Amino acid sequence: MANFWSTNNVEPKRNFRFQVQLGGTDAPILWWAKTVTIPAYDVSEVEHNYLDNKFYFPGRVSWNEVSMTLVDPISVDAVTQTNKILEDMGYIVKKDETSKKTMSKKNAAATDGPLPAVVISVLNAEGVAIEVWTLNNAFLKSAKFGDLDYSSDDLRTVEMTVRYDWAQCNTKGNTEAPNTKDNFFEKS
């Protein structure tokens, strides 16, 4: 393995080279995505006491929420699109007590639903996706539409939190990726 610092033909991944797609790889790229967290997971542990010793075993994998910050442009209104995701999940404003419809996992995470998959792509210098994360059974958990402030020139943002059941990572062209056969890492 070549030493990264002494080789001029090796390039690190950069934080500003990414794109986000809500709805799978066929969905339009959110050019107004400002930040996004990469999927992360925790593995629980199970403790077993035997005589005067403690032994630990890996437990369940729990995937952490993904948060993203979107700039709110006028021509592609991020507030309207975020509210549409909520409505497509099954939420309706209650006009009276006869409104019985409510949200469900079936509506929120359906393959033809508002977020059939969230795709986060890490790009190289040529703009080619070298690491593609797909969040499966994703649904919108929270949205915050920013703060207005007369003393600020900042762009207005929408902060979203997405919950999902599991993620897949496809590392394209990365020869250093682990050689695994499961559905977590997919090597191309």
Protein backbone atom coordinates (compact mmCIF):
# COMPACT_ATOMS: atom_id res chain seq x y z
CA MET A 1 0.00 0.00 0.00
CA ALA A 2 1.42 3.36 -1.05
CA ASN A 3 1.96 6.03 1.55
CA PHE A 4 -0.68 8.69 0.96
CA TRP A 5 1.52 11.66 1.84
CA SER A 6 4.44 10.68 -0.39
CA THR A 7 2.47 9.72 -3.52
CA ASN A 8 1.21 12.35 -5.96
CA ASN A 9 -1.36 10.14 -7.73
CA VAL A 10 -3.49 9.41 -4.65
CA GLU A 11 -6.28 11.78 -3.69
CA PRO A 12 -8.29 11.94 -0.44
CA LYS A 13 -12.06 12.17 -0.38
CA ARG A 14 -13.18 15.76 0.12
CA ASN A 15 -16.10 16.94 2.29
CA PHE A 16 -17.42 19.38 -0.32
CA ARG A 17 -17.75 16.81 -3.12
CA PHE A 18 -21.13 15.22 -2.59
CA GLN A 19 -24.66 15.16 -3.89
CA VAL A 20 -28.01 14.16 -2.37
CA GLN A 21 -31.03 12.62 -4.09
CA LEU A 22 -34.38 12.14 -2.36
CA GLY A 23 -36.13 9.27 -4.09
CA GLY A 24 -33.33 7.04 -5.40
CA THR A 25 -30.68 7.34 -8.09
CA ASP A 26 -33.25 8.35 -10.73
CA ALA A 27 -34.40 11.36 -8.68
CA PRO A 28 -33.08 14.84 -9.44
CA ILE A 29 -29.96 15.94 -7.59
CA LEU A 30 -30.63 18.45 -4.82
CA TRP A 31 -28.23 21.14 -5.92
CA TRP A 32 -29.37 23.18 -2.93
CA ALA A 33 -28.09 20.60 -0.39
CA LYS A 34 -25.64 22.41 1.86
CA THR A 35 -24.68 19.70 4.39
CA VAL A 36 -25.53 16.06 5.03
CA THR A 37 -24.35 13.53 7.56
CA ILE A 38 -23.11 10.18 6.30
CA PRO A 39 -24.99 7.18 7.73
CA ALA A 40 -23.55 5.83 10.96
CA TYR A 41 -24.35 2.88 13.16
CA ASP A 42 -23.91 1.62 16.70
CA VAL A 43 -23.51 -1.99 17.74
CA SER A 44 -25.01 -2.84 21.11
CA GLU A 45 -23.22 -5.18 23.44
CA VAL A 46 -24.44 -8.05 25.56
CA GLU A 47 -22.66 -8.71 28.81
CA HIS A 48 -22.34 -12.26 30.14
CA ASN A 49 -21.04 -13.00 33.63
CA TYR A 50 -19.33 -16.31 34.16
CA LEU A 51 -17.78 -17.00 37.55
CA ASP A 52 -15.60 -13.96 38.24
CA ASN A 53 -15.25 -12.90 34.59
CA LYS A 54 -17.25 -10.69 32.27
CA PHE A 55 -17.54 -11.48 28.59
CA TYR A 56 -18.99 -9.18 25.95
CA PHE A 57 -20.72 -10.16 22.74
CA PRO A 58 -21.86 -7.97 19.85
CA GLY A 59 -25.60 -7.34 19.82
CA ARG A 60 -27.84 -5.53 17.38
CA VAL A 61 -26.91 -2.89 14.84
CA SER A 62 -28.79 0.37 15.18
CA TRP A 63 -28.55 2.91 12.36
CA ASN A 64 -28.36 6.58 13.39
CA GLU A 65 -30.50 9.32 11.90
CA VAL A 66 -29.21 11.35 8.98
CA SER A 67 -29.57 15.11 9.05
CA MET A 68 -29.24 17.48 6.14
CA THR A 69 -29.37 21.21 5.64
CA LEU A 70 -30.86 22.53 2.43
CA VAL A 71 -30.72 26.08 1.16
CA ASP A 72 -34.27 27.30 0.50
CA PRO A 73 -34.30 28.68 -3.05
CA ILE A 74 -37.31 30.55 -4.42
CA SER A 75 -37.56 28.74 -7.75
CA VAL A 76 -37.42 25.26 -6.22
CA ASP A 77 -39.17 25.94 -2.91
CA ALA A 78 -37.61 23.57 -0.38
CA VAL A 79 -40.32 24.38 2.19
CA THR A 80 -43.08 23.34 -0.23
CA GLN A 81 -41.24 20.15 -1.19
CA THR A 82 -40.58 19.26 2.46
CA ASN A 83 -44.24 19.78 3.35
CA LYS A 84 -45.25 17.65 0.36
CA ILE A 85 -43.12 14.80 1.70
CA LEU A 86 -45.02 15.03 5.00
CA GLU A 87 -48.38 15.02 3.19
CA ASP A 88 -47.31 12.07 1.02
CA MET A 89 -46.47 10.19 4.22
CA GLY A 90 -50.18 10.43 5.05
CA TYR A 91 -50.38 13.54 7.20
CA ILE A 92 -53.35 15.83 6.65
CA VAL A 93 -54.30 18.99 8.45
CA LYS A 94 -57.29 18.09 10.60
CA LYS A 95 -60.20 20.25 9.52
CA ASP A 96 -62.69 18.51 11.76
CA GLU A 97 -63.03 15.38 13.85
CA THR A 98 -64.16 13.33 10.81
CA SER A 99 -60.62 13.29 9.34
CA LYS A 100 -59.46 9.73 10.03
CA LYS A 101 -56.43 9.41 7.75
CA THR A 102 -53.03 9.25 9.44
CA MET A 103 -49.40 8.46 8.70
CA SER A 104 -48.10 4.93 8.36
CA LYS A 105 -44.86 3.15 7.57
CA LYS A 106 -46.53 1.84 4.42
CA ASN A 107 -47.13 5.39 3.16
CA ALA A 108 -43.90 6.87 4.49
CA ALA A 109 -41.42 4.25 3.25
CA ALA A 110 -43.19 2.75 0.23
CA THR A 111 -41.15 2.19 -2.92
CA ASP A 112 -43.44 4.66 -4.69
CA GLY A 113 -43.77 6.88 -1.59
CA PRO A 114 -42.28 10.28 -0.81
CA LEU A 115 -38.80 8.93 0.04
CA PRO A 116 -38.42 5.47 -1.50
CA ALA A 117 -34.67 5.84 -0.96
CA VAL A 118 -32.32 8.64 -0.01
CA VAL A 119 -29.02 8.49 -1.92
CA ILE A 120 -25.87 10.28 -0.76
CA SER A 121 -22.98 10.18 -3.23
CA VAL A 122 -19.38 11.10 -2.49
CA LEU A 123 -17.67 12.35 -5.67
CA ASN A 124 -14.09 12.41 -6.86
CA ALA A 125 -12.42 15.40 -8.57
CA GLU A 126 -13.94 14.42 -11.94
CA GLY A 127 -17.47 14.36 -10.47
CA VAL A 128 -17.76 10.56 -10.55
CA ALA A 129 -19.52 8.88 -7.62
CA ILE A 130 -16.95 6.79 -5.73
CA GLU A 131 -19.05 6.07 -2.65
CA VAL A 132 -22.84 5.78 -2.80
CA TRP A 133 -24.94 5.44 0.36
CA THR A 134 -28.57 4.36 -0.03
CA LEU A 135 -30.92 4.76 2.95
CA ASN A 136 -33.62 2.11 2.78
CA ASN A 137 -37.19 2.55 4.07
CA ALA A 138 -36.45 6.20 4.79
CA PHE A 139 -38.98 8.65 6.13
CA LEU A 140 -38.92 12.26 7.23
CA LYS A 141 -38.58 12.50 11.02
CA SER A 142 -38.27 16.25 11.51
CA ALA A 143 -38.00 19.50 9.62
CA LYS A 144 -36.99 22.96 10.79
CA PHE A 145 -37.50 25.89 8.47
CA GLY A 146 -34.77 28.16 9.80
CA ASP A 147 -34.80 31.41 11.72
CA LEU A 148 -35.48 34.82 10.27
CA ASP A 149 -33.19 37.63 11.36
CA TYR A 150 -33.00 41.22 10.08
CA SER A 151 -29.34 41.47 11.08
CA SER A 152 -28.21 38.46 9.02
CA ASP A 153 -27.31 38.13 5.33
CA ASP A 154 -27.22 34.32 5.52
CA LEU A 155 -29.23 32.18 3.15
CA ARG A 156 -32.42 30.70 4.56
CA THR A 157 -32.15 26.96 5.19
CA VAL A 158 -34.32 23.94 5.85
CA GLU A 159 -32.95 21.35 8.27
CA MET A 160 -34.29 17.82 7.83
CA THR A 161 -33.79 14.66 9.84
CA VAL A 162 -34.36 11.35 8.08
CA ARG A 163 -34.88 8.01 9.81
CA TYR A 164 -34.29 4.75 7.92
CA ASP A 165 -34.09 1.02 8.62
CA TRP A 166 -30.66 0.29 7.14
CA ALA A 167 -28.12 1.69 4.69
CA GLN A 168 -26.11 0.19 1.87
CA CYS A 169 -22.74 1.49 0.77
CA ASN A 170 -21.50 0.94 -2.77
CA THR A 171 -17.82 1.81 -3.17
CA LYS A 172 -17.03 2.16 -6.87
CA GLY A 173 -13.45 1.88 -7.98
CA ASN A 174 -12.11 1.65 -4.44
CA THR A 175 -9.65 -1.24 -4.37
CA GLU A 176 -9.09 -0.80 -0.63
CA ALA A 177 -12.74 -1.56 0.27
CA PRO A 178 -13.39 -4.62 2.40
CA ASN A 179 -14.11 -7.77 0.44
CA THR A 180 -17.48 -8.68 1.93
CA LYS A 181 -20.43 -10.61 0.56
CA ASP A 182 -23.26 -9.04 2.53
CA ASN A 183 -25.57 -6.23 1.51
CA PHE A 184 -23.81 -3.53 3.53
CA PHE A 185 -20.77 -3.05 1.31
CA GLU A 186 -21.25 -3.65 -2.36
CA LYS A 187 -18.08 -3.60 -4.40
CA SER A 188 -18.28 -2.66 -8.08
